Every structure is written in C-alpha cells, then in structure tokens.
Amino acid sequence: KVIDSANMENLGTTFLTYNNTTGENCVVTVRTKPG
C-alpha cells in the first residue's frame, strides 16, 4: 500500500509502499507520460 509519495514537476512521482504482512518497504519512480 502507498504510504508516501513525492512529485517531480510534471515528470512523475516516486512512491514508497509498505506491506504490513511481510514488513517490506518498496520504492518505485513512475513517469507521468511514458516515452
């Protein structure tokens, strides 16, 4: 589940997620418009 995020202008967003069952954190940076 997403627990935090940070936007980078109109380029995209970095997301921090957490899994309560496994105790695992995850980060992914996603572009607003792939290209």
Full PDB file with SEQRES, HELIX, SHEET, SSBOND, CRYST1, ORIGX, SCALE, CONECT and MASTER records, all heavy atoms in Angstrom:
SEQRES   1 A   35  LYS VAL ILE ASP SER ALA ASN MET GLU ASN LEU GLY THR          
SEQRES   2 A   35  THR PHE LEU THR TYR ASN ASN THR THR GLY GLU ASN CYS          
SEQRES   3 A   35  VAL VAL THR VAL ARG THR LYS PRO GLY                          
SHEET    1 AA1 3 VAL A   2  MET A   8  0                                        
SHEET    2 AA1 3 GLY A  12  ASN A  19 -1                                        
SHEET    3 AA1 3 GLU A  24  ARG A  31 -1                                        
CRYST1    1.000    1.000    1.000  90.00  90.00  90.00 P 1           1          
ORIGX1      1.000000  0.000000  0.000000        0.00000                         
ORIGX2      0.000000  1.000000  0.000000        0.00000                         
ORIGX3      0.000000  0.000000  1.000000        0.00000                         
SCALE1      1.000000  0.000000  0.000000        0.00000                         
SCALE2      0.000000  1.000000  0.000000        0.00000                         
SCALE3      0.000000  0.000000  1.000000        0.00000                         
ATOM      1  N   LYS A   1       0.851  -1.189   0.000  1.00  0.00           N  
ATOM      2  CA  LYS A   1       0.000   0.000   0.000  1.00  0.00           C  
ATOM      3  C   LYS A   1       0.888   1.241   0.000  1.00  0.00           C  
ATOM      4  O   LYS A   1       1.907   1.295   0.701  1.00  0.00           O  
ATOM      5  CB  LYS A   1      -0.892   0.049   1.245  1.00  0.00           C  
ATOM      6  CG  LYS A   1      -1.769  -1.174   1.421  1.00  0.00           C  
ATOM      7  CD  LYS A   1      -2.853  -1.236   0.391  1.00  0.00           C  
ATOM      8  CE  LYS A   1      -3.751  -2.422   0.643  1.00  0.00           C  
ATOM      9  NZ  LYS A   1      -4.257  -3.043  -0.520  1.00  0.00           N  
ATOM     10  N   VAL A   2       0.524   2.258  -0.782  1.00  0.00           N  
ATOM     11  CA  VAL A   2       1.282   3.513  -0.830  1.00  0.00           C  
ATOM     12  C   VAL A   2       1.149   4.212   0.520  1.00  0.00           C  
ATOM     13  O   VAL A   2       0.043   4.419   1.019  1.00  0.00           O  
ATOM     14  CB  VAL A   2       0.768   4.433  -1.957  1.00  0.00           C  
ATOM     15  CG1 VAL A   2       1.465   5.789  -1.905  1.00  0.00           C  
ATOM     16  CG2 VAL A   2       0.973   3.776  -3.316  1.00  0.00           C  
ATOM     17  N   ILE A   3       2.296   4.546   1.122  1.00  0.00           N  
ATOM     18  CA  ILE A   3       2.283   5.262   2.398  1.00  0.00           C  
ATOM     19  C   ILE A   3       2.878   6.663   2.277  1.00  0.00           C  
ATOM     20  O   ILE A   3       2.726   7.473   3.180  1.00  0.00           O  
ATOM     21  CB  ILE A   3       2.991   4.470   3.528  1.00  0.00           C  
ATOM     22  CG1 ILE A   3       4.439   4.156   3.165  1.00  0.00           C  
ATOM     23  CG2 ILE A   3       2.213   3.205   3.845  1.00  0.00           C  
ATOM     24  CD1 ILE A   3       5.235   3.524   4.296  1.00  0.00           C  
ATOM     25  N   ASP A   4       3.552   6.942   1.166  1.00  0.00           N  
ATOM     26  CA  ASP A   4       4.104   8.276   0.949  1.00  0.00           C  
ATOM     27  C   ASP A   4       4.447   8.427  -0.530  1.00  0.00           C  
ATOM     28  O   ASP A   4       4.606   7.430  -1.240  1.00  0.00           O  
ATOM     29  CB  ASP A   4       5.352   8.491   1.806  1.00  0.00           C  
ATOM     30  CG  ASP A   4       5.531   9.936   2.233  1.00  0.00           C  
ATOM     31  OD1 ASP A   4       4.884  10.835   1.635  1.00  0.00           O  
ATOM     32  OD2 ASP A   4       6.320  10.182   3.163  1.00  0.00           O  
ATOM     33  N   SER A   5       4.550   9.676  -0.990  1.00  0.00           N  
ATOM     34  CA  SER A   5       4.931   9.929  -2.385  1.00  0.00           C  
ATOM     35  C   SER A   5       5.522  11.320  -2.503  1.00  0.00           C  
ATOM     36  O   SER A   5       5.307  12.173  -1.640  1.00  0.00           O  
ATOM     37  CB  SER A   5       3.730   9.788  -3.321  1.00  0.00           C  
ATOM     38  OG  SER A   5       2.757  10.764  -3.029  1.00  0.00           O  
ATOM     39  N   ALA A   6       6.276  11.535  -3.566  1.00  0.00           N  
ATOM     40  CA  ALA A   6       6.876  12.841  -3.838  1.00  0.00           C  
ATOM     41  C   ALA A   6       6.834  13.085  -5.340  1.00  0.00           C  
ATOM     42  O   ALA A   6       7.306  12.259  -6.126  1.00  0.00           O  
ATOM     43  CB  ALA A   6       8.325  12.883  -3.348  1.00  0.00           C  
ATOM     44  N   ASN A   7       6.249  14.224  -5.739  1.00  0.00           N  
ATOM     45  CA  ASN A   7       6.127  14.585  -7.152  1.00  0.00           C  
ATOM     46  C   ASN A   7       7.376  15.302  -7.638  1.00  0.00           C  
ATOM     47  O   ASN A   7       8.019  16.022  -6.885  1.00  0.00           O  
ATOM     48  CB  ASN A   7       4.918  15.495  -7.369  1.00  0.00           C  
ATOM     49  CG  ASN A   7       3.634  14.805  -7.000  1.00  0.00           C  
ATOM     50  OD1 ASN A   7       3.522  13.605  -7.098  1.00  0.00           O  
ATOM     51  ND2 ASN A   7       2.662  15.590  -6.572  1.00  0.00           N  
ATOM     52  N   MET A   8       7.670  15.136  -8.921  1.00  0.00           N  
ATOM     53  CA  MET A   8       8.776  15.830  -9.568  1.00  0.00           C  
ATOM     54  C   MET A   8       8.230  16.604 -10.751  1.00  0.00           C  
ATOM     55  O   MET A   8       8.198  16.081 -11.877  1.00  0.00           O  
ATOM     56  CB  MET A   8       9.850  14.842 -10.014  1.00  0.00           C  
ATOM     57  CG  MET A   8      10.611  14.256  -8.860  1.00  0.00           C  
ATOM     58  SD  MET A   8      11.613  12.866  -9.348  1.00  0.00           S  
ATOM     59  CE  MET A   8      10.386  11.567  -9.325  1.00  0.00           C  
ATOM     60  N   GLU A   9       7.748  17.829 -10.463  1.00  0.00           N  
ATOM     61  CA  GLU A   9       7.176  18.679 -11.503  1.00  0.00           C  
ATOM     62  C   GLU A   9       6.156  17.882 -12.303  1.00  0.00           C  
ATOM     63  O   GLU A   9       5.375  17.150 -11.731  1.00  0.00           O  
ATOM     64  CB  GLU A   9       8.286  19.239 -12.403  1.00  0.00           C  
ATOM     65  CG  GLU A   9       9.221  20.186 -11.687  1.00  0.00           C  
ATOM     66  CD  GLU A   9       8.618  21.522 -11.371  1.00  0.00           C  
ATOM     67  OE1 GLU A   9       7.831  22.039 -12.184  1.00  0.00           O  
ATOM     68  OE2 GLU A   9       8.933  22.064 -10.315  1.00  0.00           O  
ATOM     69  N   ASN A  10       6.174  17.967 -13.608  1.00  0.00           N  
ATOM     70  CA  ASN A  10       5.236  17.221 -14.444  1.00  0.00           C  
ATOM     71  C   ASN A  10       5.847  15.923 -14.976  1.00  0.00           C  
ATOM     72  O   ASN A  10       5.254  15.252 -15.798  1.00  0.00           O  
ATOM     73  CB  ASN A  10       4.736  18.083 -15.611  1.00  0.00           C  
ATOM     74  CG  ASN A  10       5.868  18.506 -16.531  1.00  0.00           C  
ATOM     75  OD1 ASN A  10       7.045  18.369 -16.201  1.00  0.00           O  
ATOM     76  ND2 ASN A  10       5.523  19.026 -17.681  1.00  0.00           N  
ATOM     77  N   LEU A  11       7.037  15.559 -14.484  1.00  0.00           N  
ATOM     78  CA  LEU A  11       7.723  14.379 -14.993  1.00  0.00           C  
ATOM     79  C   LEU A  11       7.219  13.075 -14.391  1.00  0.00           C  
ATOM     80  O   LEU A  11       7.186  12.054 -15.062  1.00  0.00           O  
ATOM     81  CB  LEU A  11       9.226  14.491 -14.751  1.00  0.00           C  
ATOM     82  CG  LEU A  11       9.919  15.648 -15.470  1.00  0.00           C  
ATOM     83  CD1 LEU A  11      11.370  15.729 -15.058  1.00  0.00           C  
ATOM     84  CD2 LEU A  11       9.778  15.490 -16.968  1.00  0.00           C  
ATOM     85  N   GLY A  12       6.858  13.081 -13.113  1.00  0.00           N  
ATOM     86  CA  GLY A  12       6.412  11.854 -12.475  1.00  0.00           C  
ATOM     87  C   GLY A  12       6.429  11.939 -10.966  1.00  0.00           C  
ATOM     88  O   GLY A  12       6.554  13.014 -10.384  1.00  0.00           O  
ATOM     89  N   THR A  13       6.328  10.768 -10.337  1.00  0.00           N  
ATOM     90  CA  THR A  13       6.202  10.670  -8.888  1.00  0.00           C  
ATOM     91  C   THR A  13       6.981   9.462  -8.387  1.00  0.00           C  
ATOM     92  O   THR A  13       6.983   8.417  -9.042  1.00  0.00           O  
ATOM     93  CB  THR A  13       4.715  10.508  -8.497  1.00  0.00           C  
ATOM     94  OG1 THR A  13       3.974  11.600  -9.046  1.00  0.00           O  
ATOM     95  CG2 THR A  13       4.519  10.492  -6.994  1.00  0.00           C  
ATOM     96  N   THR A  14       7.620   9.601  -7.233  1.00  0.00           N  
ATOM     97  CA  THR A  14       8.244   8.469  -6.561  1.00  0.00           C  
ATOM     98  C   THR A  14       7.311   8.045  -5.430  1.00  0.00           C  
ATOM     99  O   THR A  14       6.832   8.883  -4.671  1.00  0.00           O  
ATOM    100  CB  THR A  14       9.638   8.836  -6.014  1.00  0.00           C  
ATOM    101  OG1 THR A  14      10.475   9.183  -7.120  1.00  0.00           O  
ATOM    102  CG2 THR A  14      10.272   7.675  -5.268  1.00  0.00           C  
ATOM    103  N   PHE A  15       7.056   6.730  -5.339  1.00  0.00           N  
ATOM    104  CA  PHE A  15       6.140   6.186  -4.344  1.00  0.00           C  
ATOM    105  C   PHE A  15       6.884   5.282  -3.367  1.00  0.00           C  
ATOM    106  O   PHE A  15       7.718   4.466  -3.783  1.00  0.00           O  
ATOM    107  CB  PHE A  15       5.053   5.340  -5.023  1.00  0.00           C  
ATOM    108  CG  PHE A  15       4.177   6.132  -5.945  1.00  0.00           C  
ATOM    109  CD1 PHE A  15       4.468   6.199  -7.303  1.00  0.00           C  
ATOM    110  CD2 PHE A  15       3.068   6.811  -5.465  1.00  0.00           C  
ATOM    111  CE1 PHE A  15       3.661   6.927  -8.168  1.00  0.00           C  
ATOM    112  CE2 PHE A  15       2.258   7.544  -6.321  1.00  0.00           C  
ATOM    113  CZ  PHE A  15       2.557   7.602  -7.671  1.00  0.00           C  
ATOM    114  N   LEU A  16       6.559   5.412  -2.076  1.00  0.00           N  
ATOM    115  CA  LEU A  16       7.017   4.497  -1.034  1.00  0.00           C  
ATOM    116  C   LEU A  16       5.811   3.657  -0.637  1.00  0.00           C  
ATOM    117  O   LEU A  16       4.753   4.209  -0.325  1.00  0.00           O  
ATOM    118  CB  LEU A  16       7.538   5.266   0.182  1.00  0.00           C  
ATOM    119  CG  LEU A  16       7.852   4.427   1.427  1.00  0.00           C  
ATOM    120  CD1 LEU A  16       9.036   3.488   1.172  1.00  0.00           C  
ATOM    121  CD2 LEU A  16       8.133   5.341   2.614  1.00  0.00           C  
ATOM    122  N   THR A  17       5.974   2.337  -0.678  1.00  0.00           N  
ATOM    123  CA  THR A  17       4.886   1.444  -0.269  1.00  0.00           C  
ATOM    124  C   THR A  17       5.356   0.572   0.883  1.00  0.00           C  
ATOM    125  O   THR A  17       6.566   0.439   1.131  1.00  0.00           O  
ATOM    126  CB  THR A  17       4.406   0.536  -1.421  1.00  0.00           C  
ATOM    127  OG1 THR A  17       5.422  -0.425  -1.722  1.00  0.00           O  
ATOM    128  CG2 THR A  17       4.070   1.348  -2.661  1.00  0.00           C  
ATOM    129  N   TYR A  18       4.390  -0.039   1.580  1.00  0.00           N  
ATOM    130  CA  TYR A  18       4.704  -0.929   2.703  1.00  0.00           C  
ATOM    131  C   TYR A  18       3.734  -2.099   2.686  1.00  0.00           C  
ATOM    132  O   TYR A  18       2.544  -1.929   2.401  1.00  0.00           O  
ATOM    133  CB  TYR A  18       4.593  -0.177   4.028  1.00  0.00           C  
ATOM    134  CG  TYR A  18       5.041  -0.985   5.213  1.00  0.00           C  
ATOM    135  CD1 TYR A  18       6.388  -1.231   5.426  1.00  0.00           C  
ATOM    136  CD2 TYR A  18       4.114  -1.515   6.106  1.00  0.00           C  
ATOM    137  CE1 TYR A  18       6.815  -1.986   6.509  1.00  0.00           C  
ATOM    138  CE2 TYR A  18       4.534  -2.268   7.187  1.00  0.00           C  
ATOM    139  CZ  TYR A  18       5.880  -2.505   7.389  1.00  0.00           C  
ATOM    140  OH  TYR A  18       6.295  -3.254   8.460  1.00  0.00           O  
ATOM    141  N   ASN A  19       4.252  -3.282   2.977  1.00  0.00           N  
ATOM    142  CA  ASN A  19       3.436  -4.481   3.085  1.00  0.00           C  
ATOM    143  C   ASN A  19       3.378  -4.862   4.562  1.00  0.00           C  
ATOM    144  O   ASN A  19       4.391  -5.270   5.144  1.00  0.00           O  
ATOM    145  CB  ASN A  19       4.042  -5.613   2.254  1.00  0.00           C  
ATOM    146  CG  ASN A  19       3.191  -6.852   2.241  1.00  0.00           C  
ATOM    147  OD1 ASN A  19       2.673  -7.279   3.262  1.00  0.00           O  
ATOM    148  ND2 ASN A  19       3.053  -7.452   1.072  1.00  0.00           N  
ATOM    149  N   ASN A  20       2.206  -4.706   5.185  1.00  0.00           N  
ATOM    150  CA  ASN A  20       2.038  -5.000   6.618  1.00  0.00           C  
ATOM    151  C   ASN A  20       2.319  -6.455   6.957  1.00  0.00           C  
ATOM    152  O   ASN A  20       2.783  -6.755   8.051  1.00  0.00           O  
ATOM    153  CB  ASN A  20       0.619  -4.641   7.075  1.00  0.00           C  
ATOM    154  CG  ASN A  20       0.444  -3.157   7.261  1.00  0.00           C  
ATOM    155  OD1 ASN A  20       1.355  -2.453   7.666  1.00  0.00           O  
ATOM    156  ND2 ASN A  20      -0.741  -2.661   6.938  1.00  0.00           N  
ATOM    157  N   THR A  21       2.044  -7.364   6.044  1.00  0.00           N  
ATOM    158  CA  THR A  21       2.225  -8.791   6.308  1.00  0.00           C  
ATOM    159  C   THR A  21       3.704  -9.167   6.356  1.00  0.00           C  
ATOM    160  O   THR A  21       4.132  -9.916   7.234  1.00  0.00           O  
ATOM    161  CB  THR A  21       1.514  -9.631   5.230  1.00  0.00           C  
ATOM    162  OG1 THR A  21       0.141  -9.247   5.210  1.00  0.00           O  
ATOM    163  CG2 THR A  21       1.627 -11.121   5.515  1.00  0.00           C  
ATOM    164  N   THR A  22       4.483  -8.648   5.417  1.00  0.00           N  
ATOM    165  CA  THR A  22       5.895  -9.042   5.312  1.00  0.00           C  
ATOM    166  C   THR A  22       6.868  -8.052   5.958  1.00  0.00           C  
ATOM    167  O   THR A  22       8.035  -8.376   6.141  1.00  0.00           O  
ATOM    168  CB  THR A  22       6.298  -9.183   3.829  1.00  0.00           C  
ATOM    169  OG1 THR A  22       6.182  -7.898   3.204  1.00  0.00           O  
ATOM    170  CG2 THR A  22       5.422 -10.193   3.115  1.00  0.00           C  
ATOM    171  N   GLY A  23       6.405  -6.830   6.263  1.00  0.00           N  
ATOM    172  CA  GLY A  23       7.294  -5.804   6.805  1.00  0.00           C  
ATOM    173  C   GLY A  23       8.218  -5.229   5.754  1.00  0.00           C  
ATOM    174  O   GLY A  23       9.243  -4.626   6.051  1.00  0.00           O  
ATOM    175  N   GLU A  24       7.840  -5.401   4.496  1.00  0.00           N  
ATOM    176  CA  GLU A  24       8.677  -4.996   3.372  1.00  0.00           C  
ATOM    177  C   GLU A  24       8.305  -3.596   2.872  1.00  0.00           C  
ATOM    178  O   GLU A  24       7.139  -3.301   2.639  1.00  0.00           O  
ATOM    179  CB  GLU A  24       8.480  -6.018   2.261  1.00  0.00           C  
ATOM    180  CG  GLU A  24       9.390  -5.899   1.093  1.00  0.00           C  
ATOM    181  CD  GLU A  24       9.159  -7.062   0.143  1.00  0.00           C  
ATOM    182  OE1 GLU A  24       8.054  -7.192  -0.397  1.00  0.00           O  
ATOM    183  OE2 GLU A  24      10.124  -7.832  -0.054  1.00  0.00           O  
ATOM    184  N   ASN A  25       9.315  -2.741   2.719  1.00  0.00           N  
ATOM    185  CA  ASN A  25       9.162  -1.426   2.101  1.00  0.00           C  
ATOM    186  C   ASN A  25       9.557  -1.557   0.636  1.00  0.00           C  
ATOM    187  O   ASN A  25      10.397  -2.386   0.286  1.00  0.00           O  
ATOM    188  CB  ASN A  25      10.115  -0.405   2.751  1.00  0.00           C  
ATOM    189  CG  ASN A  25       9.773  -0.137   4.182  1.00  0.00           C  
ATOM    190  OD1 ASN A  25       8.936   0.694   4.475  1.00  0.00           O  
ATOM    191  ND2 ASN A  25      10.406  -0.860   5.105  1.00  0.00           N  
ATOM    192  N   CYS A  26       8.985  -0.706  -0.203  1.00  0.00           N  
ATOM    193  CA  CYS A  26       9.292  -0.727  -1.629  1.00  0.00           C  
ATOM    194  C   CYS A  26       9.234   0.699  -2.175  1.00  0.00           C  
ATOM    195  O   CYS A  26       8.405   1.501  -1.733  1.00  0.00           O  
ATOM    196  CB  CYS A  26       8.279  -1.604  -2.364  1.00  0.00           C  
ATOM    197  SG  CYS A  26       8.463  -1.615  -4.168  1.00  0.00           S  
ATOM    198  N   VAL A  27      10.109   1.013  -3.125  1.00  0.00           N  
ATOM    199  CA  VAL A  27      10.105   2.316  -3.794  1.00  0.00           C  
ATOM    200  C   VAL A  27      10.090   2.097  -5.302  1.00  0.00           C  
ATOM    201  O   VAL A  27      10.811   1.241  -5.827  1.00  0.00           O  
ATOM    202  CB  VAL A  27      11.333   3.164  -3.392  1.00  0.00           C  
ATOM    203  CG1 VAL A  27      11.445   4.416  -4.243  1.00  0.00           C  
ATOM    204  CG2 VAL A  27      11.260   3.538  -1.922  1.00  0.00           C  
ATOM    205  N   VAL A  28       9.257   2.894  -5.979  1.00  0.00           N  
ATOM    206  CA  VAL A  28       9.196   2.889  -7.436  1.00  0.00           C  
ATOM    207  C   VAL A  28       8.996   4.327  -7.902  1.00  0.00           C  
ATOM    208  O   VAL A  28       8.267   5.097  -7.271  1.00  0.00           O  
ATOM    209  CB  VAL A  28       8.071   1.959  -7.963  1.00  0.00           C  
ATOM    210  CG1 VAL A  28       6.711   2.395  -7.495  1.00  0.00           C  
ATOM    211  CG2 VAL A  28       8.109   1.839  -9.471  1.00  0.00           C  
ATOM    212  N   THR A  29       9.696   4.727  -8.960  1.00  0.00           N  
ATOM    213  CA  THR A  29       9.547   6.050  -9.563  1.00  0.00           C  
ATOM    214  C   THR A  29       8.835   5.870 -10.897  1.00  0.00           C  
ATOM    215  O   THR A  29       9.300   5.115 -11.747  1.00  0.00           O  
ATOM    216  CB  THR A  29      10.924   6.718  -9.789  1.00  0.00           C  
ATOM    217  OG1 THR A  29      11.564   6.867  -8.519  1.00  0.00           O  
ATOM    218  CG2 THR A  29      10.780   8.076 -10.449  1.00  0.00           C  
ATOM    219  N   VAL A  30       7.684   6.557 -11.055  1.00  0.00           N  
ATOM    220  CA  VAL A  30       6.822   6.376 -12.217  1.00  0.00           C  
ATOM    221  C   VAL A  30       6.724   7.677 -13.009  1.00  0.00           C  
ATOM    222  O   VAL A  30       6.448   8.735 -12.439  1.00  0.00           O  
ATOM    223  CB  VAL A  30       5.402   5.936 -11.781  1.00  0.00           C  
ATOM    224  CG1 VAL A  30       4.507   5.705 -12.991  1.00  0.00           C  
ATOM    225  CG2 VAL A  30       5.472   4.693 -10.904  1.00  0.00           C  
ATOM    226  N   ARG A  31       6.924   7.581 -14.328  1.00  0.00           N  
ATOM    227  CA  ARG A  31       6.784   8.754 -15.194  1.00  0.00           C  
ATOM    228  C   ARG A  31       5.312   9.093 -15.407  1.00  0.00           C  
ATOM    229  O   ARG A  31       4.472   8.208 -15.514  1.00  0.00           O  
ATOM    230  CB  ARG A  31       7.438   8.503 -16.551  1.00  0.00           C  
ATOM    231  CG  ARG A  31       8.956   8.510 -16.472  1.00  0.00           C  
ATOM    232  CD  ARG A  31       9.595   8.128 -17.767  1.00  0.00           C  
ATOM    233  NE  ARG A  31       9.388   9.135 -18.816  1.00  0.00           N  
ATOM    234  CZ  ARG A  31       9.884   9.010 -20.041  1.00  0.00           C  
ATOM    235  NH1 ARG A  31      10.586   7.946 -20.376  1.00  0.00           N  
ATOM    236  NH2 ARG A  31       9.668   9.964 -20.941  1.00  0.00           N  
ATOM    237  N   THR A  32       4.998  10.386 -15.506  1.00  0.00           N  
ATOM    238  CA  THR A  32       3.644  10.822 -15.805  1.00  0.00           C  
ATOM    239  C   THR A  32       3.265  10.416 -17.217  1.00  0.00           C  
ATOM    240  O   THR A  32       2.162   9.919 -17.458  1.00  0.00           O  
ATOM    241  CB  THR A  32       3.523  12.350 -15.647  1.00  0.00           C  
ATOM    242  OG1 THR A  32       3.901  12.687 -14.304  1.00  0.00           O  
ATOM    243  CG2 THR A  32       2.115  12.835 -15.907  1.00  0.00           C  
ATOM    244  N   LYS A  33       4.186  10.610 -18.168  1.00  0.00           N  
ATOM    245  CA  LYS A  33       3.940  10.249 -19.565  1.00  0.00           C  
ATOM    246  C   LYS A  33       5.105   9.392 -20.053  1.00  0.00           C  
ATOM    247  O   LYS A  33       6.186   9.911 -20.324  1.00  0.00           O  
ATOM    248  CB  LYS A  33       3.833  11.502 -20.435  1.00  0.00           C  
ATOM    249  CG  LYS A  33       2.623  12.353 -20.130  1.00  0.00           C  
ATOM    250  CD  LYS A  33       2.572  13.561 -21.040  1.00  0.00           C  
ATOM    251  CE  LYS A  33       1.374  14.422 -20.704  1.00  0.00           C  
ATOM    252  NZ  LYS A  33       1.313  15.623 -21.536  1.00  0.00           N  
ATOM    253  N   PRO A  34       4.903   8.070 -20.161  1.00  0.00           N  
ATOM    254  CA  PRO A  34       5.974   7.209 -20.683  1.00  0.00           C  
ATOM    255  C   PRO A  34       6.383   7.647 -22.087  1.00  0.00           C  
ATOM    256  O   PRO A  34       5.587   8.233 -22.822  1.00  0.00           O  
ATOM    257  CB  PRO A  34       5.324   5.827 -20.715  1.00  0.00           C  
ATOM    258  CG  PRO A  34       4.228   5.900 -19.699  1.00  0.00           C  
ATOM    259  CD  PRO A  34       3.722   7.318 -19.774  1.00  0.00           C  
ATOM    260  N   GLY A  35       7.614   7.376 -22.431  1.00  0.00           N  
ATOM    261  CA  GLY A  35       8.120   7.756 -23.748  1.00  0.00           C  
ATOM    262  C   GLY A  35       9.498   7.174 -23.978  1.00  0.00           C  
ATOM    263  O   GLY A  35       9.820   6.114 -23.462  1.00  0.00           O  
TER     264      GLY A  35                                                      
MASTER        0    0    0    0    3    0    0    6  263    1    0    3          
END                                                                             
